[in-house]
């Protein structure tokens, strides 16, 4: 756990912020390289980036504040609500916020929404993997206590009190790196707009649902093991299935153009 990357005068730059920013940049860079295969100009991806950054951060912070209000914000100064540089972003909230921003952007720019979604899907996994490494450095999103050989320990002043816990940040980072590679492979072989994005929804819902059983940072659990993210993962799984069957080509329908 090493929260501070470096100091710039009075400004403290954290590893969490560095890795999240790097995730956004590398995600956009890889998506821009992928975009021409879907008939989308690379510069369109860079135009979309500020929309997804703003929508993603707003959504992620709002859901974090709603989830952890009593534990982290009750009785605190109001500005702590917007202090994202301290950490505290929920991926599912960021995903929803960035998705809504992308929908609005695609309508304004008259781009093919599902083609854009396919271009961005592998990059979502890549950016998320780097973000989870930021969580590890920040000490948030930690795991349940365990006695496994690969358990990790945070400092004694951490919420885990120095006990060995599951390195769930590494579990999810590894799964997201693998998902990035798989989706990038699928993108070159997709048969219809929206296929890669639907695959992302399905695969990530399953991966996140599995990792959540090892999370130890929620204020409350259902049946002792289920977290709020389990419910969202179920909805995401259903959405991925519905999207795949709605968008898949019927007989006689041509596949998307590829470069």
Protein backbone atom coordinates (compact mmCIF):
# COMPACT_ATOMS: atom_id res chain seq x y z
CA UNK A 1 0.00 0.00 0.00
CA UNK A 2 1.70 3.17 -1.27
CA UNK A 3 -0.77 5.95 -1.80
CA UNK A 4 1.55 8.81 -2.74
CA UNK A 5 3.39 8.68 -6.07
CA UNK A 6 5.14 12.06 -5.82
CA UNK A 7 4.75 15.67 -4.71
CA UNK A 8 4.52 18.71 -6.99
CA UNK A 9 4.94 21.53 -4.50
CA UNK A 10 1.73 21.58 -2.44
CA UNK A 11 0.07 19.08 -4.81
CA UNK A 12 0.11 15.42 -3.79
CA UNK A 13 -0.18 13.00 -6.70
CA UNK A 14 -1.41 9.54 -5.71
CA UNK A 15 -0.78 6.22 -7.42
CA UNK A 16 -4.53 5.74 -7.59
CA UNK A 17 -4.90 8.90 -9.66
CA UNK A 18 -1.90 8.07 -11.83
CA UNK A 19 -3.14 4.57 -12.65
CA UNK A 20 -6.74 5.65 -13.29
CA UNK A 21 -5.51 8.40 -15.63
CA UNK A 22 -3.18 5.92 -17.35
CA UNK A 23 -6.13 3.55 -17.76
CA UNK A 24 -8.18 6.22 -19.51
CA UNK A 25 -5.28 7.16 -21.80
CA UNK A 26 -4.24 3.63 -22.77
CA UNK A 27 -7.88 2.69 -23.21
CA UNK A 28 -8.41 5.56 -25.64
CA UNK A 29 -5.12 4.89 -27.44
CA UNK A 30 -5.89 1.22 -28.05
CA UNK A 31 -9.47 2.05 -29.07
CA UNK A 32 -8.23 4.64 -31.57
CA UNK A 33 -5.98 2.03 -33.18
CA UNK A 34 -8.92 -0.38 -33.33
CA UNK A 35 -11.50 2.12 -34.63
CA UNK A 36 -10.71 2.03 -38.41
CA UNK A 37 -11.64 -1.67 -38.52
CA UNK A 38 -15.16 -0.63 -37.56
CA UNK A 39 -15.25 2.24 -40.06
CA UNK A 40 -14.74 4.89 -37.37
CA UNK A 41 -12.08 7.58 -37.61
CA UNK A 42 -9.47 7.37 -34.79
CA UNK A 43 -9.95 11.04 -33.92
CA UNK A 44 -13.55 10.25 -33.00
CA UNK A 45 -12.28 8.18 -30.08
CA UNK A 46 -10.28 11.11 -28.75
CA UNK A 47 -13.35 13.33 -29.14
CA UNK A 48 -15.33 10.82 -27.09
CA UNK A 49 -12.71 10.56 -24.33
CA UNK A 50 -13.66 13.74 -22.36
CA UNK A 51 -17.31 12.65 -22.40
CA UNK A 52 -16.50 9.23 -20.98
CA UNK A 53 -14.05 10.62 -18.42
CA UNK A 54 -16.60 13.10 -17.07
CA UNK A 55 -19.53 10.68 -17.18
CA UNK A 56 -17.46 7.87 -15.72
CA UNK A 57 -16.04 9.84 -12.79
CA UNK A 58 -19.42 11.40 -11.92
CA UNK A 59 -21.21 8.06 -12.03
CA UNK A 60 -18.47 6.22 -10.13
CA UNK A 61 -18.32 8.84 -7.38
CA UNK A 62 -22.09 9.14 -6.97
CA UNK A 63 -22.49 5.39 -6.49
CA UNK A 64 -19.54 5.26 -4.08
CA UNK A 65 -20.99 8.05 -1.94
CA UNK A 66 -24.42 6.39 -1.93
CA UNK A 67 -22.94 2.98 -0.99
CA UNK A 68 -20.53 4.15 1.71
CA UNK A 69 -22.30 7.26 3.03
CA UNK A 70 -22.60 6.14 6.65
CA UNK A 71 -19.08 4.72 6.85
CA UNK A 72 -17.07 7.39 5.04
CA UNK A 73 -19.10 10.60 4.75
CA UNK A 74 -21.54 10.96 7.62
CA UNK A 75 -20.30 13.83 9.79
CA UNK A 76 -17.47 14.71 7.38
CA UNK A 77 -17.04 18.12 5.66
CA UNK A 78 -19.12 18.43 2.47
CA UNK A 79 -16.04 18.70 0.24
CA UNK A 80 -15.10 15.09 1.03
CA UNK A 81 -17.98 14.08 -1.25
CA UNK A 82 -16.09 15.41 -4.29
CA UNK A 83 -12.56 14.49 -3.14
CA UNK A 84 -12.03 11.76 -5.73
CA UNK A 85 -8.25 12.17 -5.42
CA UNK A 86 -8.55 10.32 -2.09
CA UNK A 87 -9.95 7.31 -3.93
CA UNK A 88 -13.52 6.09 -3.81
CA UNK A 89 -14.91 5.25 -7.24
CA UNK A 90 -17.35 2.39 -7.88
CA UNK A 91 -16.82 0.77 -11.27
CA UNK A 92 -20.46 -0.02 -11.97
CA UNK A 93 -21.41 3.61 -11.36
CA UNK A 94 -18.60 4.72 -13.67
CA UNK A 95 -19.65 2.21 -16.29
CA UNK A 96 -23.24 3.49 -16.24
CA UNK A 97 -22.13 7.14 -16.35
CA UNK A 98 -19.68 6.56 -19.20
CA UNK A 99 -22.28 4.51 -21.11
CA UNK A 100 -24.86 7.29 -20.86
CA UNK A 101 -22.27 9.84 -21.98
CA UNK A 102 -21.38 7.63 -24.97
CA UNK A 103 -25.04 7.29 -25.97
CA UNK A 104 -25.47 11.07 -25.92
CA UNK A 105 -22.20 11.60 -27.82
CA UNK A 106 -23.12 9.04 -30.50
CA UNK A 107 -26.48 10.73 -31.08
CA UNK A 108 -24.91 14.19 -31.26
CA UNK A 109 -22.13 13.05 -33.62
CA UNK A 110 -24.40 10.65 -35.60
CA UNK A 111 -22.05 7.72 -35.05
CA UNK A 112 -23.13 4.05 -35.03
CA UNK A 113 -23.59 3.43 -31.32
CA UNK A 114 -22.98 -0.33 -31.30
CA UNK A 115 -19.92 -0.05 -33.52
CA UNK A 116 -18.50 2.52 -31.10
CA UNK A 117 -19.35 0.21 -28.20
CA UNK A 118 -17.43 -2.64 -29.86
CA UNK A 119 -14.40 -0.41 -30.37
CA UNK A 120 -14.43 0.68 -26.73
CA UNK A 121 -15.23 -2.68 -25.07
CA UNK A 122 -11.69 -4.17 -24.95
CA UNK A 123 -10.35 -0.83 -23.74
CA UNK A 124 -12.87 -0.82 -20.89
CA UNK A 125 -11.29 -4.02 -19.60
CA UNK A 126 -7.76 -2.64 -20.01
CA UNK A 127 -8.53 0.62 -18.22
CA UNK A 128 -10.34 -1.22 -15.44
CA UNK A 129 -7.37 -3.53 -14.89
CA UNK A 130 -5.08 -0.54 -14.32
CA UNK A 131 -7.69 1.05 -12.08
CA UNK A 132 -7.74 -2.06 -9.89
CA UNK A 133 -3.96 -1.82 -9.51
CA UNK A 134 -4.62 1.73 -8.32
CA UNK A 135 -7.07 0.31 -5.76
CA UNK A 136 -4.32 -1.97 -4.46
CA UNK A 137 -1.92 0.95 -4.03
CA UNK A 138 -4.67 2.98 -2.36
CA UNK A 139 -5.77 0.20 -0.01
CA UNK A 140 -9.42 0.29 -1.08
CA UNK A 141 -11.67 -2.49 -2.45
CA UNK A 142 -9.82 -4.94 -0.20
CA UNK A 143 -10.58 -8.61 0.37
CA UNK A 144 -11.84 -10.83 3.16
CA UNK A 145 -9.42 -12.32 5.68
CA UNK A 146 -7.81 -15.58 4.54
CA UNK A 147 -4.91 -17.89 5.34
CA UNK A 148 -3.80 -18.63 1.79
CA UNK A 149 -0.11 -18.43 0.82
CA UNK A 150 -0.74 -15.50 -1.54
CA UNK A 151 -2.66 -13.42 1.01
CA UNK A 152 -1.50 -9.83 1.40
CA UNK A 153 -1.31 -7.55 4.45
CA UNK A 154 -2.03 -3.85 4.64
CA UNK A 155 -0.57 -1.69 7.44
CA UNK A 156 -2.03 -2.13 10.93
CA UNK A 157 -3.80 1.25 10.76
CA UNK A 158 -5.73 0.02 7.69
CA UNK A 159 -9.34 -1.17 8.02
CA UNK A 160 -8.07 -4.76 7.82
CA UNK A 161 -5.91 -4.18 10.95
CA UNK A 162 -2.95 -5.88 9.32
CA UNK A 163 -4.68 -9.25 8.92
CA UNK A 164 -3.90 -11.35 5.81
CA UNK A 165 -6.62 -10.84 3.19
CA UNK A 166 -7.45 -11.96 -0.33
CA UNK A 167 -5.68 -9.74 -2.92
CA UNK A 168 -8.98 -9.19 -4.73
CA UNK A 169 -7.60 -6.16 -6.57
CA UNK A 170 -5.06 -8.46 -8.23
CA UNK A 171 -7.70 -11.10 -8.91
CA UNK A 172 -9.83 -8.59 -10.80
CA UNK A 173 -6.91 -6.89 -12.51
CA UNK A 174 -5.72 -10.24 -13.86
CA UNK A 175 -9.19 -11.18 -15.08
CA UNK A 176 -9.55 -7.80 -16.80
CA UNK A 177 -6.19 -8.10 -18.55
CA UNK A 178 -7.27 -11.52 -19.83
CA UNK A 179 -10.64 -10.09 -20.89
CA UNK A 180 -8.89 -7.28 -22.78
CA UNK A 181 -6.87 -9.81 -24.77
CA UNK A 182 -9.91 -12.00 -25.47
CA UNK A 183 -12.10 -9.11 -26.61
CA UNK A 184 -9.34 -7.69 -28.82
CA UNK A 185 -9.15 -11.12 -30.48
CA UNK A 186 -12.94 -11.28 -30.85
CA UNK A 187 -13.10 -7.78 -32.33
CA UNK A 188 -11.18 -8.89 -35.40
CA UNK A 189 -13.68 -11.73 -35.89
CA UNK A 190 -16.98 -10.07 -34.96
CA UNK A 191 -19.99 -10.73 -37.14
CA UNK A 192 -22.21 -7.80 -36.14
CA UNK A 193 -22.11 -4.42 -34.42
CA UNK A 194 -22.57 -4.88 -30.69
CA UNK A 195 -21.17 -8.43 -30.52
CA UNK A 196 -17.96 -7.48 -28.69
CA UNK A 197 -19.77 -5.20 -26.27
CA UNK A 198 -22.33 -7.92 -25.49
CA UNK A 199 -19.47 -10.36 -24.90
CA UNK A 200 -17.87 -7.84 -22.54
CA UNK A 201 -21.09 -7.53 -20.52
CA UNK A 202 -21.43 -11.30 -20.24
CA UNK A 203 -17.80 -12.04 -19.38
CA UNK A 204 -17.32 -9.19 -16.95
CA UNK A 205 -20.58 -9.95 -15.12
CA UNK A 206 -19.40 -13.52 -14.49
CA UNK A 207 -15.85 -12.46 -13.51
CA UNK A 208 -17.04 -9.72 -11.18
CA UNK A 209 -19.65 -11.98 -9.61
CA UNK A 210 -16.94 -14.52 -8.79
CA UNK A 211 -14.50 -11.96 -7.36
CA UNK A 212 -17.20 -10.39 -5.17
CA UNK A 213 -17.32 -13.50 -2.97
CA UNK A 214 -13.83 -12.53 -1.75
CA UNK A 215 -14.51 -8.79 -1.16
CA UNK A 216 -14.33 -7.61 2.44
CA UNK A 217 -14.93 -3.85 2.28
CA UNK A 218 -18.73 -3.59 2.15
CA UNK A 219 -20.62 -2.24 5.20
CA UNK A 220 -23.26 -5.00 4.88
CA UNK A 221 -23.79 -8.31 3.07
CA UNK A 222 -26.87 -10.28 2.07
CA UNK A 223 -26.89 -13.87 3.37
CA UNK A 224 -23.40 -13.20 4.64
CA UNK A 225 -21.74 -13.37 1.20
CA UNK A 226 -23.71 -11.42 -1.40
CA UNK A 227 -22.76 -7.81 -2.16
CA UNK A 228 -24.60 -5.03 -4.03
CA UNK A 229 -22.34 -5.74 -7.01
CA UNK A 230 -23.77 -9.26 -7.24
CA UNK A 231 -27.16 -7.74 -8.03
CA UNK A 232 -25.69 -5.39 -10.63
CA UNK A 233 -23.70 -8.26 -12.17
CA UNK A 234 -26.93 -10.24 -12.58
CA UNK A 235 -28.52 -7.32 -14.40
CA UNK A 236 -25.44 -6.93 -16.57
CA UNK A 237 -25.52 -10.62 -17.46
CA UNK A 238 -29.17 -10.35 -18.49
CA UNK A 239 -28.43 -7.20 -20.51
CA UNK A 240 -25.55 -8.92 -22.32
CA UNK A 241 -27.72 -11.90 -23.26
CA UNK A 242 -30.58 -9.67 -24.43
CA UNK A 243 -28.22 -7.46 -26.45
CA UNK A 244 -26.59 -10.43 -28.16
CA UNK A 245 -29.88 -11.96 -29.29
CA UNK A 246 -31.40 -8.63 -30.35
CA UNK A 247 -28.39 -7.45 -32.37
CA UNK A 248 -27.19 -10.70 -33.93
CA UNK A 249 -27.74 -10.81 -37.70
CA UNK A 250 -30.68 -12.64 -39.18
CA UNK A 251 -30.40 -14.75 -42.31
CA UNK A 252 -29.34 -12.68 -45.30
CA UNK A 253 -28.00 -9.79 -43.20
CA UNK A 254 -24.42 -8.81 -44.07
CA UNK A 255 -21.75 -8.65 -41.33
CA UNK A 256 -20.18 -5.29 -40.39
CA UNK A 257 -17.53 -3.91 -42.72
CA UNK A 258 -13.92 -4.51 -41.70
CA UNK A 259 -10.71 -2.93 -42.90
